[in-house]
Amino acid sequence: MLSRMLTRAQMALLCLGLFLALALCGAWQTFAWGRTQLDTGALVCADTLRLHIRPENDSIASQSAKLHVRDAVLAYLDAACPAESKPDALCWAARHLFELQLTARHALAELNIRAPVRVQLVNMYFDTRRYASGILPAGRYDALRIQIGSGTGRNWWCVLYPGLCRSACGGYARPAENDLVCGNYILRLRLVEWVQQRTACREDVVLLG
């Protein structure tokens, strides 16, 4: 009955209007979804404290020393760091930079290595990183950096809080963060990575040390 009351031009306009309305609705939903993923990625960066170890160089000895320092530092952190939140972990690390430096030096001394060690809290850019228990999106993170000597060798990094060095899932305050970190590497993570790679500053900022 309606088709009889409308001309062909009016029907065309009606169909065009419906198409545009559906397209706008879809575009808005896509934008809202993308914004949610980017916001969640930003929360992951804000709620994470990473561990970053820079070895002297790429020699076998330096790379082995890097891993020996890693194991010693993680053992010390497991025993001494009581942090239950990112701010707690950051404050604890700030108060114990000297002890962490001594731990790293002692680990090197066990290998008869006398290279200088520098321990700092920094804010820096990390690419997307896969771990056994999850995946962290690209972005700028606070990190505890341990530099051995000139620190020009291949880096090693992990997560001090909420604990991807050991286990990650369930460690974040918000379900969406756990979903992004512990879920599969699919479109939602690729979107965060794509935006961060093109917008995030690459310059390191020293917070303490």
N, C-alpha and C. Protein backbone atom coordinates (compact mmCIF):
# COMPACT_ATOMS: atom_id res chain seq x y z
N MET A 1 0.83 -1.20 0.00
CA MET A 1 0.00 0.00 0.00
C MET A 1 0.87 1.25 0.00
N LEU A 2 1.97 1.21 0.82
CA LEU A 2 2.85 2.37 0.92
C LEU A 2 3.54 2.64 -0.41
N SER A 3 3.93 1.52 -1.11
CA SER A 3 4.62 1.69 -2.39
C SER A 3 3.72 2.34 -3.42
N ARG A 4 2.44 2.13 -3.31
CA ARG A 4 1.51 2.76 -4.24
C ARG A 4 1.37 4.24 -3.96
N MET A 5 1.56 4.65 -2.71
CA MET A 5 1.38 6.05 -2.33
C MET A 5 2.63 6.88 -2.62
N LEU A 6 3.80 6.23 -2.75
CA LEU A 6 5.05 6.95 -2.98
C LEU A 6 5.49 6.81 -4.43
N THR A 7 6.06 7.87 -4.93
CA THR A 7 6.62 7.81 -6.28
C THR A 7 7.94 7.06 -6.24
N ARG A 8 8.45 6.73 -7.42
CA ARG A 8 9.72 6.02 -7.49
C ARG A 8 10.84 6.86 -6.89
N ALA A 9 10.83 8.16 -7.11
CA ALA A 9 11.86 9.04 -6.56
C ALA A 9 11.79 9.07 -5.04
N GLN A 10 10.57 9.10 -4.51
CA GLN A 10 10.41 9.12 -3.06
C GLN A 10 10.88 7.81 -2.43
N MET A 11 10.60 6.69 -3.10
CA MET A 11 11.06 5.41 -2.61
C MET A 11 12.59 5.35 -2.60
N ALA A 12 13.21 5.91 -3.64
CA ALA A 12 14.66 5.93 -3.72
C ALA A 12 15.26 6.75 -2.58
N LEU A 13 14.63 7.90 -2.32
CA LEU A 13 15.11 8.74 -1.23
C LEU A 13 14.95 8.05 0.12
N LEU A 14 13.82 7.35 0.29
CA LEU A 14 13.58 6.63 1.54
C LEU A 14 14.64 5.55 1.75
N CYS A 15 14.94 4.79 0.69
CA CYS A 15 15.95 3.74 0.78
C CYS A 15 17.33 4.33 1.07
N LEU A 16 17.64 5.46 0.41
CA LEU A 16 18.92 6.11 0.66
C LEU A 16 19.03 6.59 2.10
N GLY A 17 17.93 7.14 2.62
CA GLY A 17 17.94 7.60 4.01
C GLY A 17 18.17 6.45 4.98
N LEU A 18 17.49 5.32 4.73
CA LEU A 18 17.68 4.15 5.58
C LEU A 18 19.12 3.63 5.51
N PHE A 19 19.70 3.62 4.32
CA PHE A 19 21.08 3.16 4.14
C PHE A 19 22.05 4.06 4.90
N LEU A 20 21.85 5.39 4.78
CA LEU A 20 22.73 6.32 5.47
C LEU A 20 22.61 6.19 6.98
N ALA A 21 21.38 5.98 7.47
CA ALA A 21 21.18 5.82 8.91
C ALA A 21 21.90 4.58 9.43
N LEU A 22 21.80 3.47 8.68
CA LEU A 22 22.49 2.25 9.07
C LEU A 22 24.00 2.42 9.02
N ALA A 23 24.49 3.12 7.99
CA ALA A 23 25.93 3.36 7.85
C ALA A 23 26.46 4.20 9.00
N LEU A 24 25.72 5.26 9.36
CA LEU A 24 26.14 6.11 10.47
C LEU A 24 26.13 5.35 11.79
N CYS A 25 25.12 4.51 11.95
CA CYS A 25 25.03 3.71 13.18
C CYS A 25 26.22 2.76 13.27
N GLY A 26 26.54 2.11 12.15
CA GLY A 26 27.69 1.21 12.13
C GLY A 26 29.00 1.93 12.37
N ALA A 27 29.15 3.12 11.76
CA ALA A 27 30.38 3.89 11.95
C ALA A 27 30.54 4.32 13.40
N TRP A 28 29.43 4.72 14.03
CA TRP A 28 29.49 5.13 15.43
C TRP A 28 29.86 3.96 16.34
N GLN A 29 29.28 2.80 16.08
CA GLN A 29 29.61 1.63 16.88
C GLN A 29 31.07 1.23 16.72
N THR A 30 31.59 1.32 15.48
CA THR A 30 32.99 1.02 15.24
C THR A 30 33.90 2.00 15.97
N PHE A 31 33.55 3.28 15.92
CA PHE A 31 34.34 4.30 16.61
C PHE A 31 34.33 4.05 18.12
N ALA A 32 33.15 3.75 18.66
CA ALA A 32 33.05 3.52 20.10
C ALA A 32 33.85 2.28 20.50
N TRP A 33 33.81 1.23 19.69
CA TRP A 33 34.59 0.02 19.96
C TRP A 33 36.08 0.34 19.95
N GLY A 34 36.52 1.07 18.93
CA GLY A 34 37.94 1.42 18.84
C GLY A 34 38.39 2.28 20.00
N ARG A 35 37.56 3.24 20.38
CA ARG A 35 37.90 4.11 21.51
C ARG A 35 38.04 3.30 22.80
N THR A 36 37.17 2.31 22.97
CA THR A 36 37.23 1.46 24.16
C THR A 36 38.54 0.67 24.18
N GLN A 37 38.95 0.13 23.04
CA GLN A 37 40.19 -0.64 22.99
C GLN A 37 41.40 0.24 23.27
N LEU A 38 41.41 1.45 22.71
CA LEU A 38 42.54 2.36 22.96
C LEU A 38 42.58 2.79 24.42
N ASP A 39 41.42 3.06 24.99
CA ASP A 39 41.37 3.44 26.41
C ASP A 39 41.85 2.29 27.30
N THR A 40 41.45 1.07 26.95
CA THR A 40 41.88 -0.09 27.72
C THR A 40 43.39 -0.29 27.59
N GLY A 41 43.92 -0.09 26.38
CA GLY A 41 45.36 -0.18 26.19
C GLY A 41 46.11 0.85 27.04
N ALA A 42 45.56 2.07 27.12
CA ALA A 42 46.18 3.11 27.94
C ALA A 42 46.15 2.73 29.42
N LEU A 43 45.06 2.10 29.86
CA LEU A 43 44.96 1.65 31.25
C LEU A 43 45.99 0.57 31.54
N VAL A 44 46.20 -0.34 30.59
CA VAL A 44 47.21 -1.39 30.77
C VAL A 44 48.58 -0.75 30.96
N CYS A 45 48.92 0.24 30.12
CA CYS A 45 50.20 0.93 30.27
C CYS A 45 50.32 1.60 31.63
N ALA A 46 49.24 2.25 32.07
CA ALA A 46 49.27 2.98 33.33
C ALA A 46 49.34 2.05 34.53
N ASP A 47 48.82 0.82 34.40
CA ASP A 47 48.75 -0.10 35.53
C ASP A 47 49.87 -1.14 35.52
N THR A 48 50.90 -0.93 34.71
CA THR A 48 51.97 -1.91 34.56
C THR A 48 53.32 -1.29 34.88
N LEU A 49 54.15 -2.03 35.62
CA LEU A 49 55.55 -1.66 35.87
C LEU A 49 56.42 -2.76 35.27
N ARG A 50 57.28 -2.38 34.34
CA ARG A 50 58.08 -3.36 33.63
C ARG A 50 59.53 -3.38 34.14
N LEU A 51 60.20 -4.48 33.88
CA LEU A 51 61.61 -4.65 34.19
C LEU A 51 62.38 -4.67 32.88
N HIS A 52 63.43 -3.85 32.78
CA HIS A 52 64.17 -3.69 31.53
C HIS A 52 65.66 -3.81 31.85
N ILE A 53 66.31 -4.81 31.29
CA ILE A 53 67.73 -5.05 31.56
C ILE A 53 68.52 -4.85 30.27
N ARG A 54 69.51 -3.95 30.35
CA ARG A 54 70.38 -3.68 29.21
C ARG A 54 71.77 -4.25 29.48
N PRO A 55 72.21 -5.26 28.73
CA PRO A 55 73.53 -5.84 28.95
C PRO A 55 74.63 -5.00 28.30
N GLU A 56 75.86 -5.34 28.63
CA GLU A 56 77.03 -4.61 28.10
C GLU A 56 77.06 -4.64 26.58
N ASN A 57 76.92 -5.84 26.00
CA ASN A 57 76.98 -5.99 24.55
C ASN A 57 76.30 -7.30 24.16
N ASP A 58 76.51 -7.74 22.93
CA ASP A 58 75.83 -8.94 22.43
C ASP A 58 76.69 -10.20 22.52
N SER A 59 77.81 -10.13 23.22
CA SER A 59 78.64 -11.32 23.37
C SER A 59 77.90 -12.37 24.20
N ILE A 60 78.34 -13.63 24.06
CA ILE A 60 77.71 -14.70 24.82
C ILE A 60 77.85 -14.44 26.32
N ALA A 61 79.02 -13.96 26.73
CA ALA A 61 79.26 -13.69 28.15
C ALA A 61 78.32 -12.62 28.68
N SER A 62 78.13 -11.53 27.92
CA SER A 62 77.27 -10.44 28.36
C SER A 62 75.81 -10.87 28.38
N GLN A 63 75.38 -11.62 27.39
CA GLN A 63 74.01 -12.08 27.36
C GLN A 63 73.73 -13.07 28.49
N SER A 64 74.70 -13.91 28.80
CA SER A 64 74.55 -14.83 29.94
C SER A 64 74.51 -14.06 31.25
N ALA A 65 75.34 -13.02 31.35
CA ALA A 65 75.34 -12.19 32.57
C ALA A 65 74.00 -11.49 32.73
N LYS A 66 73.43 -11.04 31.63
CA LYS A 66 72.11 -10.40 31.68
C LYS A 66 71.07 -11.33 32.29
N LEU A 67 71.06 -12.57 31.87
CA LEU A 67 70.09 -13.53 32.39
C LEU A 67 70.37 -13.88 33.85
N HIS A 68 71.65 -13.90 34.22
CA HIS A 68 72.00 -14.17 35.61
C HIS A 68 71.51 -13.03 36.50
N VAL A 69 71.68 -11.79 36.04
CA VAL A 69 71.17 -10.63 36.78
C VAL A 69 69.65 -10.68 36.85
N ARG A 70 69.02 -11.03 35.75
CA ARG A 70 67.56 -11.15 35.74
C ARG A 70 67.08 -12.11 36.82
N ASP A 71 67.68 -13.29 36.87
CA ASP A 71 67.24 -14.29 37.84
C ASP A 71 67.45 -13.81 39.27
N ALA A 72 68.58 -13.15 39.52
CA ALA A 72 68.86 -12.65 40.87
C ALA A 72 67.88 -11.56 41.28
N VAL A 73 67.60 -10.65 40.36
CA VAL A 73 66.69 -9.54 40.66
C VAL A 73 65.27 -10.06 40.88
N LEU A 74 64.81 -11.00 40.05
CA LEU A 74 63.47 -11.54 40.23
C LEU A 74 63.34 -12.30 41.54
N ALA A 75 64.40 -13.02 41.93
CA ALA A 75 64.38 -13.73 43.21
C ALA A 75 64.29 -12.74 44.36
N TYR A 76 65.04 -11.65 44.27
CA TYR A 76 65.00 -10.62 45.30
C TYR A 76 63.62 -9.97 45.37
N LEU A 77 63.05 -9.68 44.22
CA LEU A 77 61.72 -9.06 44.18
C LEU A 77 60.66 -9.99 44.74
N ASP A 78 60.74 -11.26 44.39
CA ASP A 78 59.75 -12.22 44.91
C ASP A 78 59.79 -12.28 46.43
N ALA A 79 60.99 -12.13 47.00
CA ALA A 79 61.13 -12.24 48.45
C ALA A 79 60.86 -10.94 49.18
N ALA A 80 61.14 -9.80 48.52
CA ALA A 80 61.15 -8.53 49.25
C ALA A 80 60.06 -7.54 48.87
N CYS A 81 59.47 -7.67 47.67
CA CYS A 81 58.51 -6.67 47.21
C CYS A 81 57.08 -7.08 47.55
N PRO A 82 56.40 -6.34 48.45
CA PRO A 82 55.05 -6.71 48.87
C PRO A 82 53.95 -6.00 48.10
N ALA A 83 54.28 -5.36 47.00
CA ALA A 83 53.33 -4.48 46.32
C ALA A 83 52.08 -5.20 45.88
N GLU A 84 50.92 -4.55 46.10
CA GLU A 84 49.64 -5.08 45.66
C GLU A 84 48.96 -4.17 44.64
N SER A 85 49.68 -3.16 44.17
CA SER A 85 49.16 -2.26 43.14
C SER A 85 50.34 -1.65 42.41
N LYS A 86 50.07 -1.06 41.25
CA LYS A 86 51.14 -0.41 40.49
C LYS A 86 51.77 0.74 41.29
N PRO A 87 51.00 1.65 41.92
CA PRO A 87 51.64 2.70 42.72
C PRO A 87 52.51 2.15 43.84
N ASP A 88 52.05 1.07 44.49
CA ASP A 88 52.86 0.45 45.54
C ASP A 88 54.17 -0.08 44.97
N ALA A 89 54.09 -0.76 43.83
CA ALA A 89 55.28 -1.32 43.20
C ALA A 89 56.25 -0.22 42.80
N LEU A 90 55.73 0.89 42.26
CA LEU A 90 56.58 1.99 41.84
C LEU A 90 57.26 2.64 43.04
N CYS A 91 56.50 2.86 44.10
CA CYS A 91 57.08 3.47 45.31
C CYS A 91 58.12 2.55 45.94
N TRP A 92 57.82 1.25 45.97
CA TRP A 92 58.78 0.30 46.54
C TRP A 92 60.08 0.31 45.74
N ALA A 93 59.97 0.28 44.43
CA ALA A 93 61.16 0.30 43.59
C ALA A 93 61.97 1.58 43.79
N ALA A 94 61.27 2.71 43.92
CA ALA A 94 61.96 3.99 44.12
C ALA A 94 62.76 3.99 45.43
N ARG A 95 62.25 3.32 46.45
CA ARG A 95 62.93 3.28 47.74
C ARG A 95 64.06 2.24 47.78
N HIS A 96 64.09 1.33 46.81
CA HIS A 96 65.06 0.23 46.88
C HIS A 96 65.96 0.16 45.64
N LEU A 97 66.19 1.28 44.99
CA LEU A 97 67.08 1.28 43.83
C LEU A 97 68.49 0.83 44.21
N PHE A 98 68.97 1.26 45.37
CA PHE A 98 70.32 0.90 45.79
C PHE A 98 70.42 -0.60 46.05
N GLU A 99 69.42 -1.16 46.74
CA GLU A 99 69.43 -2.60 47.01
C GLU A 99 69.36 -3.41 45.72
N LEU A 100 68.58 -2.92 44.76
CA LEU A 100 68.49 -3.60 43.47
C LEU A 100 69.83 -3.52 42.73
N GLN A 101 70.50 -2.38 42.85
CA GLN A 101 71.83 -2.24 42.25
C GLN A 101 72.82 -3.22 42.88
N LEU A 102 72.78 -3.34 44.22
CA LEU A 102 73.66 -4.28 44.90
C LEU A 102 73.37 -5.72 44.48
N THR A 103 72.09 -6.04 44.32
CA THR A 103 71.71 -7.38 43.88
C THR A 103 72.30 -7.69 42.51
N ALA A 104 72.19 -6.73 41.60
CA ALA A 104 72.74 -6.92 40.25
C ALA A 104 74.26 -7.03 40.29
N ARG A 105 74.91 -6.19 41.09
CA ARG A 105 76.37 -6.24 41.19
C ARG A 105 76.84 -7.57 41.77
N HIS A 106 76.13 -8.05 42.78
CA HIS A 106 76.50 -9.32 43.40
C HIS A 106 76.36 -10.46 42.39
N ALA A 107 75.29 -10.43 41.58
CA ALA A 107 75.11 -11.46 40.57
C ALA A 107 76.25 -11.43 39.55
N LEU A 108 76.68 -10.23 39.17
CA LEU A 108 77.80 -10.11 38.23
C LEU A 108 79.10 -10.57 38.86
N ALA A 109 79.28 -10.25 40.14
CA ALA A 109 80.50 -10.66 40.84
C ALA A 109 80.63 -12.17 40.88
N GLU A 110 79.50 -12.87 40.97
CA GLU A 110 79.52 -14.33 40.96
C GLU A 110 80.09 -14.87 39.65
N LEU A 111 80.02 -14.05 38.60
CA LEU A 111 80.56 -14.43 37.29
C LEU A 111 81.91 -13.77 37.03
N ASN A 112 82.48 -13.15 38.08
CA ASN A 112 83.76 -12.43 37.96
C ASN A 112 83.69 -11.29 36.95
N ILE A 113 82.55 -10.62 36.93
CA ILE A 113 82.34 -9.45 36.06
C ILE A 113 82.28 -8.21 36.94
N ARG A 114 83.06 -7.20 36.61
CA ARG A 114 83.12 -5.98 37.41
C ARG A 114 82.56 -4.76 36.67
N ALA A 115 81.68 -4.98 35.73
CA ALA A 115 81.09 -3.88 34.97
C ALA A 115 80.21 -3.02 35.87
N PRO A 116 80.19 -1.70 35.66
CA PRO A 116 79.31 -0.84 36.45
C PRO A 116 77.84 -1.15 36.18
N VAL A 117 77.02 -0.91 37.18
CA VAL A 117 75.58 -1.16 37.06
C VAL A 117 74.83 0.12 37.41
N ARG A 118 73.87 0.50 36.58
CA ARG A 118 73.04 1.67 36.83
C ARG A 118 71.58 1.23 36.89
N VAL A 119 70.89 1.66 37.95
CA VAL A 119 69.48 1.29 38.13
C VAL A 119 68.64 2.56 38.15
N GLN A 120 67.62 2.62 37.31
CA GLN A 120 66.77 3.81 37.19
C GLN A 120 65.31 3.40 37.05
N LEU A 121 64.43 4.34 37.38
CA LEU A 121 63.03 4.25 37.00
C LEU A 121 62.83 5.17 35.80
N VAL A 122 62.28 4.64 34.72
CA VAL A 122 62.11 5.41 33.50
C VAL A 122 60.70 5.22 32.96
N ASN A 123 60.32 6.10 32.06
CA ASN A 123 59.10 5.92 31.28
C ASN A 123 59.54 5.85 29.83
N MET A 124 59.18 4.75 29.14
CA MET A 124 59.71 4.52 27.81
C MET A 124 58.71 3.77 26.94
N TYR A 125 59.00 3.75 25.64
CA TYR A 125 58.13 3.07 24.69
C TYR A 125 58.54 1.61 24.55
N PHE A 126 57.54 0.71 24.54
CA PHE A 126 57.74 -0.71 24.27
C PHE A 126 56.85 -1.13 23.11
N ASP A 127 57.38 -1.97 22.23
CA ASP A 127 56.54 -2.59 21.20
C ASP A 127 55.65 -3.64 21.84
N THR A 128 54.67 -4.14 21.08
CA THR A 128 53.85 -5.25 21.55
C THR A 128 54.74 -6.42 21.91
N ARG A 129 54.47 -7.04 23.04
CA ARG A 129 55.35 -8.10 23.56
C ARG A 129 54.53 -9.31 23.98
N ARG A 130 54.93 -10.47 23.45
CA ARG A 130 54.28 -11.73 23.82
C ARG A 130 55.00 -12.37 25.00
N TYR A 131 54.22 -12.86 25.95
CA TYR A 131 54.74 -13.66 27.05
C TYR A 131 53.99 -14.98 27.08
N ALA A 132 54.49 -15.92 27.88
CA ALA A 132 53.84 -17.24 27.94
C ALA A 132 52.40 -17.13 28.42
N SER A 133 52.13 -16.15 29.30
CA SER A 133 50.80 -16.06 29.90
C SER A 133 49.98 -14.89 29.37
N GLY A 134 50.49 -14.14 28.40
CA GLY A 134 49.71 -13.03 27.88
C GLY A 134 50.49 -12.17 26.92
N ILE A 135 49.86 -11.11 26.44
CA ILE A 135 50.47 -10.21 25.47
C ILE A 135 50.22 -8.77 25.92
N LEU A 136 51.28 -7.98 26.00
CA LEU A 136 51.13 -6.58 26.35
C LEU A 136 51.09 -5.73 25.09
N PRO A 137 50.15 -4.79 25.01
CA PRO A 137 50.08 -3.93 23.82
C PRO A 137 51.23 -2.93 23.79
N ALA A 138 51.53 -2.42 22.61
CA ALA A 138 52.54 -1.38 22.47
C ALA A 138 52.11 -0.12 23.20
N GLY A 139 53.09 0.65 23.65
CA GLY A 139 52.79 1.91 24.33
C GLY A 139 53.91 2.33 25.25
N ARG A 140 53.71 3.42 25.96
CA ARG A 140 54.70 3.93 26.91
C ARG A 140 54.39 3.36 28.29
N TYR A 141 55.41 2.80 28.93
CA TYR A 141 55.28 2.16 30.23
C TYR A 141 56.33 2.72 31.19
N ASP A 142 56.01 2.73 32.48
CA ASP A 142 57.03 2.93 33.50
C ASP A 142 57.82 1.64 33.61
N ALA A 143 59.13 1.76 33.83
CA ALA A 143 59.98 0.57 33.88
C ALA A 143 61.12 0.76 34.87
N LEU A 144 61.49 -0.32 35.52
CA LEU A 144 62.71 -0.38 36.32
C LEU A 144 63.81 -0.85 35.38
N ARG A 145 64.76 0.04 35.09
CA ARG A 145 65.82 -0.28 34.13
C ARG A 145 67.12 -0.59 34.86
N ILE A 146 67.73 -1.70 34.50
CA ILE A 146 69.05 -2.08 35.02
C ILE A 146 70.00 -2.12 33.83
N GLN A 147 70.97 -1.21 33.84
CA GLN A 147 71.92 -1.13 32.74
C GLN A 147 73.28 -1.63 33.20
N ILE A 148 73.83 -2.59 32.47
CA ILE A 148 75.13 -3.15 32.76
C ILE A 148 76.15 -2.56 31.80
N GLY A 149 77.15 -1.88 32.34
CA GLY A 149 78.15 -1.25 31.49
C GLY A 149 77.54 -0.23 30.55
N SER A 150 77.90 -0.32 29.27
CA SER A 150 77.38 0.64 28.29
C SER A 150 75.94 0.36 27.91
N GLY A 151 75.46 -0.85 28.20
CA GLY A 151 74.06 -1.17 27.93
C GLY A 151 73.69 -1.17 26.46
N THR A 152 74.59 -1.63 25.60
CA THR A 152 74.33 -1.60 24.16
C THR A 152 73.92 -2.95 23.59
N GLY A 153 73.84 -3.98 24.42
CA GLY A 153 73.47 -5.31 23.93
C GLY A 153 71.97 -5.49 23.80
N ARG A 154 71.57 -6.67 23.33
CA ARG A 154 70.14 -6.97 23.17
C ARG A 154 69.45 -6.96 24.54
N ASN A 155 68.37 -6.20 24.61
CA ASN A 155 67.68 -6.01 25.89
C ASN A 155 66.87 -7.24 26.27
N TRP A 156 66.54 -7.28 27.55
CA TRP A 156 65.57 -8.26 28.06
C TRP A 156 64.57 -7.49 28.91
N TRP A 157 63.29 -7.80 28.78
CA TRP A 157 62.31 -7.12 29.61
C TRP A 157 61.19 -8.06 30.00
N CYS A 158 60.55 -7.70 31.07
CA CYS A 158 59.44 -8.48 31.59
C CYS A 158 58.55 -7.53 32.39
N VAL A 159 57.66 -8.04 33.21
CA VAL A 159 56.73 -7.20 33.95
C VAL A 159 56.84 -7.49 35.44
N LEU A 160 57.17 -6.46 36.20
CA LEU A 160 57.25 -6.61 37.65
C LEU A 160 55.87 -6.59 38.28
N TYR A 161 55.02 -5.70 37.81
CA TYR A 161 53.65 -5.65 38.30
C TYR A 161 52.72 -5.44 37.12
N PRO A 162 51.66 -6.28 37.04
CA PRO A 162 51.15 -7.25 38.01
C PRO A 162 51.78 -8.64 37.97
N GLY A 163 52.89 -8.84 37.29
CA GLY A 163 53.59 -10.10 37.45
C GLY A 163 53.65 -11.00 36.24
N LEU A 164 53.81 -10.44 35.05
CA LEU A 164 53.92 -11.28 33.86
C LEU A 164 55.25 -12.03 33.83
N CYS A 165 56.23 -11.63 34.65
CA CYS A 165 57.47 -12.40 34.72
C CYS A 165 57.17 -13.80 35.21
N ARG A 166 56.18 -13.92 36.05
CA ARG A 166 55.80 -15.23 36.59
C ARG A 166 54.43 -15.66 36.05
N SER A 167 53.41 -14.83 36.29
CA SER A 167 52.05 -15.15 35.86
C SER A 167 51.27 -13.85 35.80
N ALA A 168 50.38 -13.71 34.82
CA ALA A 168 49.74 -12.41 34.63
C ALA A 168 48.23 -12.41 34.79
N CYS A 169 47.56 -13.41 34.25
CA CYS A 169 46.11 -13.34 34.12
C CYS A 169 45.42 -13.15 35.46
N GLY A 170 44.49 -12.22 35.48
CA GLY A 170 43.77 -11.90 36.70
C GLY A 170 44.46 -10.87 37.56
N GLY A 171 45.62 -10.38 37.11
CA GLY A 171 46.39 -9.47 37.95
C GLY A 171 46.01 -8.01 37.82
N TYR A 172 45.24 -7.66 36.79
CA TYR A 172 44.86 -6.26 36.59
C TYR A 172 43.55 -5.95 37.30
N ALA A 173 43.39 -4.66 37.61
CA ALA A 173 42.23 -4.24 38.41
C ALA A 173 40.93 -4.32 37.62
N ARG A 174 40.99 -4.10 36.32
CA ARG A 174 39.77 -4.05 35.51
C ARG A 174 39.68 -5.26 34.60
N PRO A 175 38.50 -5.86 34.47
CA PRO A 175 38.34 -7.04 33.60
C PRO A 175 38.77 -6.77 32.17
N ALA A 176 38.51 -5.56 31.67
CA ALA A 176 38.87 -5.25 30.28
C ALA A 176 40.38 -5.30 30.08
N GLU A 177 41.15 -4.93 31.10
CA GLU A 177 42.61 -4.99 31.00
C GLU A 177 43.09 -6.43 30.93
N ASN A 178 42.52 -7.28 31.78
CA ASN A 178 42.87 -8.69 31.74
C ASN A 178 42.52 -9.31 30.39
N ASP A 179 41.38 -8.89 29.85
CA ASP A 179 40.94 -9.42 28.57
C ASP A 179 41.91 -9.03 27.46
N LEU A 180 42.40 -7.78 27.51
CA LEU A 180 43.30 -7.31 26.46
C LEU A 180 44.66 -7.98 26.59
N VAL A 181 45.16 -8.14 27.83
CA VAL A 181 46.48 -8.72 28.05
C VAL A 181 46.47 -10.23 27.87
N CYS A 182 45.46 -10.89 28.42
CA CYS A 182 45.44 -12.35 28.46
C CYS A 182 44.61 -12.97 27.35
N GLY A 183 43.93 -12.16 26.54
CA GLY A 183 43.15 -12.70 25.43
C GLY A 183 44.04 -13.01 24.24
N ASN A 184 43.44 -13.42 23.13
CA ASN A 184 44.20 -13.75 21.94
C ASN A 184 44.65 -12.49 21.21
N TYR A 185 45.68 -12.64 20.38
CA TYR A 185 46.19 -11.51 19.61
C TYR A 185 45.30 -11.30 18.39
N ILE A 186 44.22 -10.55 18.56
CA ILE A 186 43.27 -10.35 17.48
C ILE A 186 43.12 -8.86 17.22
N LEU A 187 42.07 -8.48 16.53
CA LEU A 187 41.93 -7.12 16.03
C LEU A 187 42.04 -6.07 17.11
N ARG A 188 41.47 -6.32 18.29
CA ARG A 188 41.47 -5.29 19.32
C ARG A 188 42.90 -4.91 19.73
N LEU A 189 43.83 -5.90 19.75
CA LEU A 189 45.20 -5.61 20.12
C LEU A 189 45.96 -4.99 18.95
N ARG A 190 45.66 -5.43 17.76
CA ARG A 190 46.31 -4.86 16.59
C ARG A 190 45.96 -3.38 16.43
N LEU A 191 44.75 -3.00 16.79
CA LEU A 191 44.36 -1.59 16.71
C LEU A 191 45.21 -0.76 17.66
N VAL A 192 45.35 -1.21 18.90
CA VAL A 192 46.17 -0.48 19.87
C VAL A 192 47.60 -0.37 19.37
N GLU A 193 48.14 -1.47 18.86
CA GLU A 193 49.51 -1.47 18.36
C GLU A 193 49.67 -0.49 17.20
N TRP A 194 48.74 -0.50 16.26
CA TRP A 194 48.83 0.37 15.08
C TRP A 194 48.84 1.83 15.48
N VAL A 195 47.95 2.22 16.41
CA VAL A 195 47.88 3.62 16.84
C VAL A 195 49.14 4.01 17.61
N GLN A 196 49.58 3.16 18.54
CA GLN A 196 50.75 3.48 19.35
C GLN A 196 52.01 3.61 18.50
N GLN A 197 52.17 2.75 17.51
CA GLN A 197 53.35 2.81 16.66
C GLN A 197 53.45 4.12 15.90
N ARG A 198 52.31 4.77 15.68
CA ARG A 198 52.29 5.99 14.89
C ARG A 198 52.18 7.26 15.73
N THR A 199 51.85 7.13 17.00
CA THR A 199 51.62 8.34 17.80
C THR A 199 52.50 8.44 19.04
N ALA A 200 52.97 7.32 19.59
CA ALA A 200 53.70 7.35 20.86
C ALA A 200 55.10 7.92 20.69
N CYS A 201 55.51 8.75 21.64
CA CYS A 201 56.86 9.32 21.65
C CYS A 201 57.86 8.22 21.98
N ARG A 202 59.02 8.22 21.30
CA ARG A 202 60.05 7.18 21.51
C ARG A 202 61.13 7.62 22.51
N GLU A 203 61.09 8.84 22.98
CA GLU A 203 62.15 9.35 23.87
C GLU A 203 61.95 8.83 25.28
N ASP A 204 63.02 8.28 25.88
CA ASP A 204 62.97 7.81 27.24
C ASP A 204 62.97 8.98 28.23
N VAL A 205 62.20 8.85 29.29
CA VAL A 205 62.13 9.88 30.34
C VAL A 205 62.57 9.23 31.65
N VAL A 206 63.65 9.74 32.26
CA VAL A 206 64.14 9.21 33.53
C VAL A 206 63.28 9.77 34.66
N LEU A 207 62.68 8.88 35.45
CA LEU A 207 61.86 9.29 36.58
C LEU A 207 62.66 9.38 37.87
N LEU A 208 63.64 8.46 38.03
CA LEU A 208 64.45 8.45 39.25
C LEU A 208 65.67 7.58 39.00
N GLY A 209 66.82 8.04 39.52
CA GLY A 209 68.03 7.25 39.42
C GLY A 209 69.09 7.88 38.54
